[in-house]
């Protein structure tokens, strides 16, 4: 899996998880897979067979940190 690439069928990947803040309604959520060293695949939970974007782990961690700090409000 290379950085900056997408995956056309995300269901082919393993280890998907949703945020505990998502609730049980299976609504508008992102899922991430954490089983790939150096990469974080991200998909839309409503479309598990759809595409996934793949981010470098450093970039993904920076994004999550910025969200937690409220930098996108």
Protein backbone atom coordinates (compact mmCIF):
# COMPACT_ATOMS: atom_id res chain seq x y z
CA UNK A 1 0.00 0.00 0.00
CA UNK A 2 1.53 3.31 -1.05
CA UNK A 3 0.94 6.74 0.38
CA UNK A 4 -1.24 9.12 -1.56
CA UNK A 5 -3.17 6.30 -3.16
CA UNK A 6 -6.76 5.23 -2.97
CA UNK A 7 -8.25 1.77 -2.80
CA UNK A 8 -11.22 1.13 -5.06
CA UNK A 9 -12.86 -1.62 -2.95
CA UNK A 10 -12.33 -0.95 0.75
CA UNK A 11 -14.12 -4.17 1.75
CA UNK A 12 -10.99 -6.04 0.63
CA UNK A 13 -9.14 -4.58 3.64
CA UNK A 14 -9.26 -5.76 7.26
CA UNK A 15 -9.34 -4.14 10.67
CA UNK A 16 -11.97 -1.43 10.17
CA UNK A 17 -13.18 0.44 13.25
CA UNK A 18 -15.52 3.33 13.89
CA UNK A 19 -15.20 6.01 16.54
CA UNK A 20 -16.89 5.27 19.86
CA UNK A 21 -18.54 8.69 19.44
CA UNK A 22 -20.42 7.48 16.36
CA UNK A 23 -23.36 6.03 18.26
CA UNK A 24 -25.44 3.09 17.16
CA UNK A 25 -27.35 4.65 14.28
CA UNK A 26 -24.72 3.78 11.64
CA UNK A 27 -25.06 7.29 10.27
CA UNK A 28 -22.46 9.54 8.70
CA UNK A 29 -19.22 8.07 10.00
CA UNK A 30 -15.69 7.47 8.89
CA UNK A 31 -14.00 4.17 9.56
CA UNK A 32 -10.26 3.66 9.77
CA UNK A 33 -8.15 0.56 9.48
CA UNK A 34 -5.13 0.44 11.77
CA UNK A 35 -3.54 -2.83 10.68
CA UNK A 36 -1.25 -1.40 7.99
CA UNK A 37 2.16 -0.10 9.12
CA UNK A 38 2.83 3.42 7.92
CA UNK A 39 -0.62 3.94 6.40
CA UNK A 40 -4.17 4.66 7.55
CA UNK A 41 -6.94 3.69 5.11
CA UNK A 42 -10.16 5.70 5.66
CA UNK A 43 -13.62 4.87 4.26
CA UNK A 44 -17.23 6.02 4.53
CA UNK A 45 -19.15 3.65 6.81
CA UNK A 46 -22.25 3.91 4.58
CA UNK A 47 -20.29 2.52 1.62
CA UNK A 48 -17.97 -0.26 2.89
CA UNK A 49 -17.46 -1.64 -0.63
CA UNK A 50 -16.64 1.82 -1.96
CA UNK A 51 -13.28 3.51 -2.17
CA UNK A 52 -10.90 4.22 0.69
CA UNK A 53 -8.35 7.00 0.91
CA UNK A 54 -4.93 6.08 2.29
CA UNK A 55 -3.02 8.55 4.46
CA UNK A 56 0.48 8.51 5.88
CA UNK A 57 0.29 7.78 9.64
CA UNK A 58 2.12 11.02 10.52
CA UNK A 59 -0.31 13.10 8.44
CA UNK A 60 -3.33 11.26 9.88
CA UNK A 61 -2.09 11.78 13.45
CA UNK A 62 -1.59 15.49 12.78
CA UNK A 63 -5.13 15.75 11.38
CA UNK A 64 -6.69 13.92 14.34
CA UNK A 65 -4.72 16.09 16.77
CA UNK A 66 -5.95 19.26 15.07
CA UNK A 67 -9.55 18.02 15.24
CA UNK A 68 -9.20 17.27 18.95
CA UNK A 69 -7.78 20.75 19.56
CA UNK A 70 -10.76 22.30 17.76
CA UNK A 71 -8.71 23.84 14.97
CA UNK A 72 -11.45 23.27 12.38
CA UNK A 73 -14.34 24.95 14.20
